[in-house]
Amino acid sequence: MELPEETVADLNKRLRRIEGQVRGLQQMLTDERDCRDIVTQLSAATKALEQVGFHLVAAGLTWCLENPERSAAEGYELADVQKLFTKLA
């Protein structure tokens, strides 16, 4: 599967932001911050990670629809890519 360069760059940017959020969570634990604050930030990081997955699968689905023969030859049947969405849900 080939993803557009701008999609890969966007996903990497999102993942770096999430990485920062996770480091922030670690620091919050170390600093013994209020549990409610930690859970709020944990929820935000989780949602951000889910969005990365949705963007990735959407880009892959687009690629499969635009290149049906090639995607099938590479083992990306449309039904299989659609199932990836359910793994994220």
PDB file of N, CA and C in Angstrom:
ATOM      1  N   MET A   1       0.849  -1.165   0.000  1.00  0.00           N
ATOM      2  CA  MET A   1       0.000   0.000   0.000  1.00  0.00           C
ATOM      3  C   MET A   1       0.898   1.232   0.000  1.00  0.00           C
ATOM      4  N   GLU A   2       0.559   2.159  -0.840  1.00  0.00           N
ATOM      5  CA  GLU A   2       1.308   3.408  -0.910  1.00  0.00           C
ATOM      6  C   GLU A   2       0.447   4.535  -0.360  1.00  0.00           C
ATOM      7  N   LEU A   3       0.971   5.228   0.613  1.00  0.00           N
ATOM      8  CA  LEU A   3       0.267   6.365   1.169  1.00  0.00           C
ATOM      9  C   LEU A   3       0.913   7.636   0.651  1.00  0.00           C
ATOM     10  N   PRO A   4       0.112   8.651   0.393  1.00  0.00           N
ATOM     11  CA  PRO A   4       0.689   9.918  -0.059  1.00  0.00           C
ATOM     12  C   PRO A   4       1.682  10.465   0.974  1.00  0.00           C
ATOM     13  N   GLU A   5       2.715  11.095   0.480  1.00  0.00           N
ATOM     14  CA  GLU A   5       3.757  11.634   1.348  1.00  0.00           C
ATOM     15  C   GLU A   5       3.183  12.597   2.387  1.00  0.00           C
ATOM     16  N   GLU A   6       2.213  13.407   1.982  1.00  0.00           N
ATOM     17  CA  GLU A   6       1.627  14.364   2.925  1.00  0.00           C
ATOM     18  C   GLU A   6       0.828  13.648   4.020  1.00  0.00           C
ATOM     19  N   THR A   7       0.235  12.500   3.693  1.00  0.00           N
ATOM     20  CA  THR A   7      -0.490  11.722   4.692  1.00  0.00           C
ATOM     21  C   THR A   7       0.479  11.148   5.719  1.00  0.00           C
ATOM     22  N   VAL A   8       1.578  10.595   5.245  1.00  0.00           N
ATOM     23  CA  VAL A   8       2.593  10.031   6.146  1.00  0.00           C
ATOM     24  C   VAL A   8       3.154  11.141   7.044  1.00  0.00           C
ATOM     25  N   ALA A   9       3.423  12.309   6.460  1.00  0.00           N
ATOM     26  CA  ALA A   9       3.947  13.428   7.249  1.00  0.00           C
ATOM     27  C   ALA A   9       2.937  13.848   8.316  1.00  0.00           C
ATOM     28  N   ASP A  10       1.658  13.910   7.946  1.00  0.00           N
ATOM     29  CA  ASP A  10       0.619  14.287   8.904  1.00  0.00           C
ATOM     30  C   ASP A  10       0.513  13.264  10.031  1.00  0.00           C
ATOM     31  N   LEU A  11       0.543  11.987   9.686  1.00  0.00           N
ATOM     32  CA  LEU A  11       0.449  10.941  10.708  1.00  0.00           C
ATOM     33  C   LEU A  11       1.644  10.985  11.652  1.00  0.00           C
ATOM     34  N   ASN A  12       2.832  11.209  11.097  1.00  0.00           N
ATOM     35  CA  ASN A  12       4.020  11.310  11.943  1.00  0.00           C
ATOM     36  C   ASN A  12       3.941  12.524  12.874  1.00  0.00           C
ATOM     37  N   LYS A  13       3.420  13.631  12.363  1.00  0.00           N
ATOM     38  CA  LYS A  13       3.261  14.832  13.194  1.00  0.00           C
ATOM     39  C   LYS A  13       2.300  14.560  14.338  1.00  0.00           C
ATOM     40  N   ARG A  14       1.198  13.877  14.030  1.00  0.00           N
ATOM     41  CA  ARG A  14       0.224  13.528  15.063  1.00  0.00           C
ATOM     42  C   ARG A  14       0.839  12.605  16.109  1.00  0.00           C
ATOM     43  N   LEU A  15       1.615  11.627  15.650  1.00  0.00           N
ATOM     44  CA  LEU A  15       2.238  10.678  16.580  1.00  0.00           C
ATOM     45  C   LEU A  15       3.270  11.363  17.478  1.00  0.00           C
ATOM     46  N   ARG A  16       4.011  12.319  16.927  1.00  0.00           N
ATOM     47  CA  ARG A  16       4.966  13.064  17.758  1.00  0.00           C
ATOM     48  C   ARG A  16       4.230  13.876  18.827  1.00  0.00           C
ATOM     49  N   ARG A  17       3.089  14.443  18.456  1.00  0.00           N
ATOM     50  CA  ARG A  17       2.296  15.200  19.426  1.00  0.00           C
ATOM     51  C   ARG A  17       1.803  14.267  20.534  1.00  0.00           C
ATOM     52  N   ILE A  18       1.350  13.074  20.148  1.00  0.00           N
ATOM     53  CA  ILE A  18       0.882  12.088  21.132  1.00  0.00           C
ATOM     54  C   ILE A  18       2.040  11.649  22.024  1.00  0.00           C
ATOM     55  N   GLU A  19       3.201  11.483  21.436  1.00  0.00           N
ATOM     56  CA  GLU A  19       4.380  11.121  22.213  1.00  0.00           C
ATOM     57  C   GLU A  19       4.636  12.171  23.300  1.00  0.00           C
ATOM     58  N   GLY A  20       4.484  13.427  22.952  1.00  0.00           N
ATOM     59  CA  GLY A  20       4.627  14.499  23.928  1.00  0.00           C
ATOM     60  C   GLY A  20       3.562  14.427  25.013  1.00  0.00           C
ATOM     61  N   GLN A  21       2.340  14.086  24.593  1.00  0.00           N
ATOM     62  CA  GLN A  21       1.266  13.941  25.580  1.00  0.00           C
ATOM     63  C   GLN A  21       1.584  12.817  26.570  1.00  0.00           C
ATOM     64  N   VAL A  22       2.118  11.717  26.070  1.00  0.00           N
ATOM     65  CA  VAL A  22       2.439  10.579  26.936  1.00  0.00           C
ATOM     66  C   VAL A  22       3.567  10.956  27.898  1.00  0.00           C
ATOM     67  N   ARG A  23       4.562  11.674  27.407  1.00  0.00           N
ATOM     68  CA  ARG A  23       5.626  12.132  28.308  1.00  0.00           C
ATOM     69  C   ARG A  23       5.046  13.060  29.378  1.00  0.00           C
ATOM     70  N   GLY A  24       4.097  13.903  28.964  1.00  0.00           N
ATOM     71  CA  GLY A  24       3.428  14.777  29.919  1.00  0.00           C
ATOM     72  C   GLY A  24       2.668  13.980  30.967  1.00  0.00           C
ATOM     73  N   LEU A  25       2.033  12.905  30.547  1.00  0.00           N
ATOM     74  CA  LEU A  25       1.325  12.040  31.489  1.00  0.00           C
ATOM     75  C   LEU A  25       2.284  11.416  32.496  1.00  0.00           C
ATOM     76  N   GLN A  26       3.429  10.976  32.011  1.00  0.00           N
ATOM     77  CA  GLN A  26       4.422  10.404  32.909  1.00  0.00           C
ATOM     78  C   GLN A  26       4.867  11.433  33.944  1.00  0.00           C
ATOM     79  N   GLN A  27       5.050  12.652  33.491  1.00  0.00           N
ATOM     80  CA  GLN A  27       5.475  13.704  34.410  1.00  0.00           C
ATOM     81  C   GLN A  27       4.366  14.024  35.410  1.00  0.00           C
ATOM     82  N   MET A  28       3.127  13.995  34.940  1.00  0.00           N
ATOM     83  CA  MET A  28       2.004  14.244  35.844  1.00  0.00           C
ATOM     84  C   MET A  28       1.966  13.201  36.958  1.00  0.00           C
ATOM     85  N   LEU A  29       2.233  11.952  36.615  1.00  0.00           N
ATOM     86  CA  LEU A  29       2.273  10.890  37.627  1.00  0.00           C
ATOM     87  C   LEU A  29       3.411  11.125  38.609  1.00  0.00           C
ATOM     88  N   THR A  30       4.571  11.458  38.070  1.00  0.00           N
ATOM     89  CA  THR A  30       5.731  11.717  38.910  1.00  0.00           C
ATOM     90  C   THR A  30       5.461  12.882  39.869  1.00  0.00           C
ATOM     91  N   ASP A  31       4.772  13.894  39.342  1.00  0.00           N
ATOM     92  CA  ASP A  31       4.466  15.079  40.149  1.00  0.00           C
ATOM     93  C   ASP A  31       3.263  14.880  41.066  1.00  0.00           C
ATOM     94  N   GLU A  32       2.706  13.674  41.022  1.00  0.00           N
ATOM     95  CA  GLU A  32       1.534  13.328  41.846  1.00  0.00           C
ATOM     96  C   GLU A  32       0.371  14.293  41.632  1.00  0.00           C
ATOM     97  N   ARG A  33       0.119  14.573  40.354  1.00  0.00           N
ATOM     98  CA  ARG A  33      -0.984  15.460  40.009  1.00  0.00           C
ATOM     99  C   ARG A  33      -2.316  14.776  40.303  1.00  0.00           C
ATOM    100  N   ASP A  34      -3.345  15.569  40.359  1.00  0.00           N
ATOM    101  CA  ASP A  34      -4.692  15.069  40.645  1.00  0.00           C
ATOM    102  C   ASP A  34      -5.105  14.024  39.614  1.00  0.00           C
ATOM    103  N   CYS A  35      -5.710  12.954  40.092  1.00  0.00           N
ATOM    104  CA  CYS A  35      -6.144  11.843  39.248  1.00  0.00           C
ATOM    105  C   CYS A  35      -7.065  12.319  38.125  1.00  0.00           C
ATOM    106  N   ARG A  36      -7.944  13.248  38.427  1.00  0.00           N
ATOM    107  CA  ARG A  36      -8.888  13.743  37.409  1.00  0.00           C
ATOM    108  C   ARG A  36      -8.159  14.416  36.262  1.00  0.00           C
ATOM    109  N   ASP A  37      -7.105  15.166  36.574  1.00  0.00           N
ATOM    110  CA  ASP A  37      -6.316  15.820  35.525  1.00  0.00           C
ATOM    111  C   ASP A  37      -5.605  14.790  34.655  1.00  0.00           C
ATOM    112  N   ILE A  38      -5.072  13.762  35.308  1.00  0.00           N
ATOM    113  CA  ILE A  38      -4.357  12.715  34.572  1.00  0.00           C
ATOM    114  C   ILE A  38      -5.315  11.974  33.647  1.00  0.00           C
ATOM    115  N   VAL A  39      -6.488  11.622  34.148  1.00  0.00           N
ATOM    116  CA  VAL A  39      -7.465  10.897  33.333  1.00  0.00           C
ATOM    117  C   VAL A  39      -7.915  11.754  32.144  1.00  0.00           C
ATOM    118  N   THR A  40      -8.080  13.049  32.368  1.00  0.00           N
ATOM    119  CA  THR A  40      -8.463  13.946  31.268  1.00  0.00           C
ATOM    120  C   THR A  40      -7.412  13.929  30.167  1.00  0.00           C
ATOM    121  N   GLN A  41      -6.145  14.011  30.559  1.00  0.00           N
ATOM    122  CA  GLN A  41      -5.067  13.998  29.570  1.00  0.00           C
ATOM    123  C   GLN A  41      -4.918  12.620  28.919  1.00  0.00           C
ATOM    124  N   LEU A  42      -5.132  11.580  29.683  1.00  0.00           N
ATOM    125  CA  LEU A  42      -5.082  10.225  29.143  1.00  0.00           C
ATOM    126  C   LEU A  42      -6.169  10.029  28.095  1.00  0.00           C
ATOM    127  N   SER A  43      -7.343  10.540  28.370  1.00  0.00           N
ATOM    128  CA  SER A  43      -8.448  10.464  27.416  1.00  0.00           C
ATOM    129  C   SER A  43      -8.108  11.210  26.131  1.00  0.00           C
ATOM    130  N   ALA A  44      -7.513  12.378  26.255  1.00  0.00           N
ATOM    131  CA  ALA A  44      -7.139  13.161  25.072  1.00  0.00           C
ATOM    132  C   ALA A  44      -6.104  12.417  24.232  1.00  0.00           C
ATOM    133  N   ALA A  45      -5.119  11.806  24.875  1.00  0.00           N
ATOM    134  CA  ALA A  45      -4.089  11.059  24.146  1.00  0.00           C
ATOM    135  C   ALA A  45      -4.691   9.838  23.457  1.00  0.00           C
ATOM    136  N   THR A  46      -5.604   9.175  24.138  1.00  0.00           N
ATOM    137  CA  THR A  46      -6.261   8.003  23.561  1.00  0.00           C
ATOM    138  C   THR A  46      -7.060   8.381  22.324  1.00  0.00           C
ATOM    139  N   LYS A  47      -7.819   9.449  22.411  1.00  0.00           N
ATOM    140  CA  LYS A  47      -8.613   9.904  21.266  1.00  0.00           C
ATOM    141  C   LYS A  47      -7.714  10.315  20.104  1.00  0.00           C
ATOM    142  N   ALA A  48      -6.608  10.964  20.416  1.00  0.00           N
ATOM    143  CA  ALA A  48      -5.673  11.372  19.367  1.00  0.00           C
ATOM    144  C   ALA A  48      -5.076  10.151  18.668  1.00  0.00           C
ATOM    145  N   LEU A  49      -4.760   9.126  19.429  1.00  0.00           N
ATOM    146  CA  LEU A  49      -4.213   7.904  18.844  1.00  0.00           C
ATOM    147  C   LEU A  49      -5.253   7.207  17.961  1.00  0.00           C
ATOM    148  N   GLU A  50      -6.494   7.195  18.413  1.00  0.00           N
ATOM    149  CA  GLU A  50      -7.567   6.626  17.597  1.00  0.00           C
ATOM    150  C   GLU A  50      -7.700   7.379  16.283  1.00  0.00           C
ATOM    151  N   GLN A  51      -7.571   8.699  16.322  1.00  0.00           N
ATOM    152  CA  GLN A  51      -7.675   9.497  15.102  1.00  0.00           C
ATOM    153  C   GLN A  51      -6.559   9.166  14.120  1.00  0.00           C
ATOM    154  N   VAL A  52      -5.363   8.901  14.626  1.00  0.00           N
ATOM    155  CA  VAL A  52      -4.265   8.479  13.754  1.00  0.00           C
ATOM    156  C   VAL A  52      -4.666   7.192  13.035  1.00  0.00           C
ATOM    157  N   GLY A  53      -5.229   6.250  13.784  1.00  0.00           N
ATOM    158  CA  GLY A  53      -5.665   4.994  13.178  1.00  0.00           C
ATOM    159  C   GLY A  53      -6.730   5.205  12.116  1.00  0.00           C
ATOM    160  N   PHE A  54      -7.710   6.053  12.412  1.00  0.00           N
ATOM    161  CA  PHE A  54      -8.771   6.312  11.439  1.00  0.00           C
ATOM    162  C   PHE A  54      -8.218   6.974  10.177  1.00  0.00           C
ATOM    163  N   HIS A  55      -7.316   7.926  10.343  1.00  0.00           N
ATOM    164  CA  HIS A  55      -6.726   8.582   9.170  1.00  0.00           C
ATOM    165  C   HIS A  55      -5.913   7.592   8.345  1.00  0.00           C
ATOM    166  N   LEU A  56      -5.195   6.712   9.024  1.00  0.00           N
ATOM    167  CA  LEU A  56      -4.387   5.710   8.328  1.00  0.00           C
ATOM    168  C   LEU A  56      -5.272   4.760   7.524  1.00  0.00           C
ATOM    169  N   VAL A  57      -6.305   4.240   8.163  1.00  0.00           N
ATOM    170  CA  VAL A  57      -7.192   3.300   7.469  1.00  0.00           C
ATOM    171  C   VAL A  57      -7.952   4.000   6.342  1.00  0.00           C
ATOM    172  N   ALA A  58      -8.368   5.235   6.556  1.00  0.00           N
ATOM    173  CA  ALA A  58      -9.070   5.972   5.496  1.00  0.00           C
ATOM    174  C   ALA A  58      -8.165   6.176   4.286  1.00  0.00           C
ATOM    175  N   ALA A  59      -6.904   6.503   4.535  1.00  0.00           N
ATOM    176  CA  ALA A  59      -5.964   6.664   3.424  1.00  0.00           C
ATOM    177  C   ALA A  59      -5.743   5.334   2.713  1.00  0.00           C
ATOM    178  N   GLY A  60      -5.647   4.261   3.486  1.00  0.00           N
ATOM    179  CA  GLY A  60      -5.484   2.938   2.877  1.00  0.00           C
ATOM    180  C   GLY A  60      -6.697   2.525   2.074  1.00  0.00           C
ATOM    181  N   LEU A  61      -7.874   2.820   2.584  1.00  0.00           N
ATOM    182  CA  LEU A  61      -9.103   2.494   1.859  1.00  0.00           C
ATOM    183  C   LEU A  61      -9.183   3.282   0.556  1.00  0.00           C
ATOM    184  N   THR A  62      -8.803   4.539   0.612  1.00  0.00           N
ATOM    185  CA  THR A  62      -8.774   5.357  -0.607  1.00  0.00           C
ATOM    186  C   THR A  62      -7.827   4.753  -1.625  1.00  0.00           C
ATOM    187  N   TRP A  63      -6.647   4.341  -1.165  1.00  0.00           N
ATOM    188  CA  TRP A  63      -5.667   3.738  -2.069  1.00  0.00           C
ATOM    189  C   TRP A  63      -6.228   2.464  -2.694  1.00  0.00           C
ATOM    190  N   CYS A  64      -6.892   1.643  -1.887  1.00  0.00           N
ATOM    191  CA  CYS A  64      -7.471   0.400  -2.401  1.00  0.00           C
ATOM    192  C   CYS A  64      -8.537   0.665  -3.454  1.00  0.00           C
ATOM    193  N   LEU A  65      -9.351   1.678  -3.225  1.00  0.00           N
ATOM    194  CA  LEU A  65     -10.404   2.011  -4.190  1.00  0.00           C
ATOM    195  C   LEU A  65      -9.824   2.576  -5.484  1.00  0.00           C
ATOM    196  N   GLU A  66      -8.741   3.310  -5.372  1.00  0.00           N
ATOM    197  CA  GLU A  66      -8.112   3.889  -6.556  1.00  0.00           C
ATOM    198  C   GLU A  66      -7.250   2.882  -7.311  1.00  0.00           C
ATOM    199  N   ASN A  67      -6.818   1.822  -6.651  1.00  0.00           N
ATOM    200  CA  ASN A  67      -5.919   0.822  -7.249  1.00  0.00           C
ATOM    201  C   ASN A  67      -6.416  -0.588  -6.932  1.00  0.00           C
ATOM    202  N   PRO A  68      -7.609  -0.958  -7.385  1.00  0.00           N
ATOM    203  CA  PRO A  68      -8.191  -2.238  -6.954  1.00  0.00           C
ATOM    204  C   PRO A  68      -7.371  -3.473  -7.330  1.00  0.00           C
ATOM    205  N   GLU A  69      -6.820  -3.505  -8.530  1.00  0.00           N
ATOM    206  CA  GLU A  69      -6.048  -4.692  -8.933  1.00  0.00           C
ATOM    207  C   GLU A  69      -4.762  -4.795  -8.126  1.00  0.00           C
ATOM    208  N   ARG A  70      -4.084  -3.669  -7.977  1.00  0.00           N
ATOM    209  CA  ARG A  70      -2.817  -3.659  -7.254  1.00  0.00           C
ATOM    210  C   ARG A  70      -3.034  -3.952  -5.776  1.00  0.00           C
ATOM    211  N   SER A  71      -4.080  -3.392  -5.198  1.00  0.00           N
ATOM    212  CA  SER A  71      -4.322  -3.630  -3.779  1.00  0.00           C
ATOM    213  C   SER A  71      -4.638  -5.105  -3.526  1.00  0.00           C
ATOM    214  N   ALA A  72      -5.404  -5.712  -4.413  1.00  0.00           N
ATOM    215  CA  ALA A  72      -5.707  -7.142  -4.266  1.00  0.00           C
ATOM    216  C   ALA A  72      -4.436  -7.975  -4.413  1.00  0.00           C
ATOM    217  N   ALA A  73      -3.586  -7.597  -5.373  1.00  0.00           N
ATOM    218  CA  ALA A  73      -2.345  -8.334  -5.589  1.00  0.00           C
ATOM    219  C   ALA A  73      -1.405  -8.221  -4.386  1.00  0.00           C
ATOM    220  N   GLU A  74      -1.482  -7.102  -3.660  1.00  0.00           N
ATOM    221  CA  GLU A  74      -0.622  -6.899  -2.498  1.00  0.00           C
ATOM    222  C   GLU A  74      -1.254  -7.397  -1.207  1.00  0.00           C
ATOM    223  N   GLY A  75      -2.422  -8.025  -1.323  1.00  0.00           N
ATOM    224  CA  GLY A  75      -3.058  -8.606  -0.143  1.00  0.00           C
ATOM    225  C   GLY A  75      -3.954  -7.651   0.621  1.00  0.00           C
ATOM    226  N   TYR A  76      -4.361  -6.575  -0.013  1.00  0.00           N
ATOM    227  CA  TYR A  76      -5.252  -5.606   0.621  1.00  0.00           C
ATOM    228  C   TYR A  76      -6.618  -5.649  -0.048  1.00  0.00           C
ATOM    229  N   GLU A  77      -7.314  -6.745   0.147  1.00  0.00           N
ATOM    230  CA  GLU A  77      -8.676  -6.831  -0.359  1.00  0.00           C
ATOM    231  C   GLU A  77      -9.504  -5.757   0.332  1.00  0.00           C
ATOM    232  N   LEU A  78     -10.451  -5.198  -0.382  1.00  0.00           N
ATOM    233  CA  LEU A  78     -11.272  -4.118   0.147  1.00  0.00           C
ATOM    234  C   LEU A  78     -11.959  -4.531   1.446  1.00  0.00           C
ATOM    235  N   ALA A  79     -12.461  -5.743   1.501  1.00  0.00           N
ATOM    236  CA  ALA A  79     -13.142  -6.231   2.710  1.00  0.00           C
ATOM    237  C   ALA A  79     -12.187  -6.270   3.905  1.00  0.00           C
ATOM    238  N   ASP A  80     -10.930  -6.626   3.658  1.00  0.00           N
ATOM    239  CA  ASP A  80      -9.951  -6.674   4.737  1.00  0.00           C
ATOM    240  C   ASP A  80      -9.661  -5.286   5.290  1.00  0.00           C
ATOM    241  N   VAL A  81      -9.559  -4.318   4.400  1.00  0.00           N
ATOM    242  CA  VAL A  81      -9.290  -2.945   4.844  1.00  0.00           C
ATOM    243  C   VAL A  81     -10.502  -2.403   5.593  1.00  0.00           C
ATOM    244  N   GLN A  82     -11.689  -2.742   5.152  1.00  0.00           N
ATOM    245  CA  GLN A  82     -12.896  -2.307   5.850  1.00  0.00           C
ATOM    246  C   GLN A  82     -12.930  -2.880   7.271  1.00  0.00           C
ATOM    247  N   LYS A  83     -12.446  -4.112   7.434  1.00  0.00           N
ATOM    248  CA  LYS A  83     -12.418  -4.732   8.761  1.00  0.00           C
ATOM    249  C   LYS A  83     -11.490  -3.982   9.717  1.00  0.00           C
ATOM    250  N   LEU A  84     -10.490  -3.314   9.161  1.00  0.00           N
ATOM    251  CA  LEU A  84      -9.584  -2.544  10.010  1.00  0.00           C
ATOM    252  C   LEU A  84     -10.325  -1.446  10.745  1.00  0.00           C
ATOM    253  N   PHE A  85     -11.344  -0.869  10.098  1.00  0.00           N
ATOM    254  CA  PHE A  85     -12.141   0.147  10.773  1.00  0.00           C
ATOM    255  C   PHE A  85     -12.805  -0.416  12.023  1.00  0.00           C
ATOM    256  N   THR A  86     -13.283  -1.650  11.940  1.00  0.00           N
ATOM    257  CA  THR A  86     -13.962  -2.227  13.105  1.00  0.00           C
ATOM    258  C   THR A  86     -12.984  -2.492  14.244  1.00  0.00           C
ATOM    259  N   LYS A  87     -11.721  -2.726  13.930  1.00  0.00           N
ATOM    260  CA  LYS A  87     -10.725  -2.912  14.979  1.00  0.00           C
ATOM    261  C   LYS A  87     -10.500  -1.625  15.758  1.00  0.00           C
ATOM    262  N   LEU A  88     -10.717  -0.513  15.113  1.00  0.00           N
ATOM    263  CA  LEU A  88     -10.530   0.783  15.765  1.00  0.00           C
ATOM    264  C   LEU A  88     -11.760   1.253  16.512  1.00  0.00           C
ATOM    265  N   ALA A  89     -12.910   0.668  16.177  1.00  0.00           N
ATOM    266  CA  ALA A  89     -14.159   1.126  16.773  1.00  0.00           C
ATOM    267  C   ALA A  89     -14.371   0.527  18.157  1.00  0.00           C
TER     268      ALA A  89
END
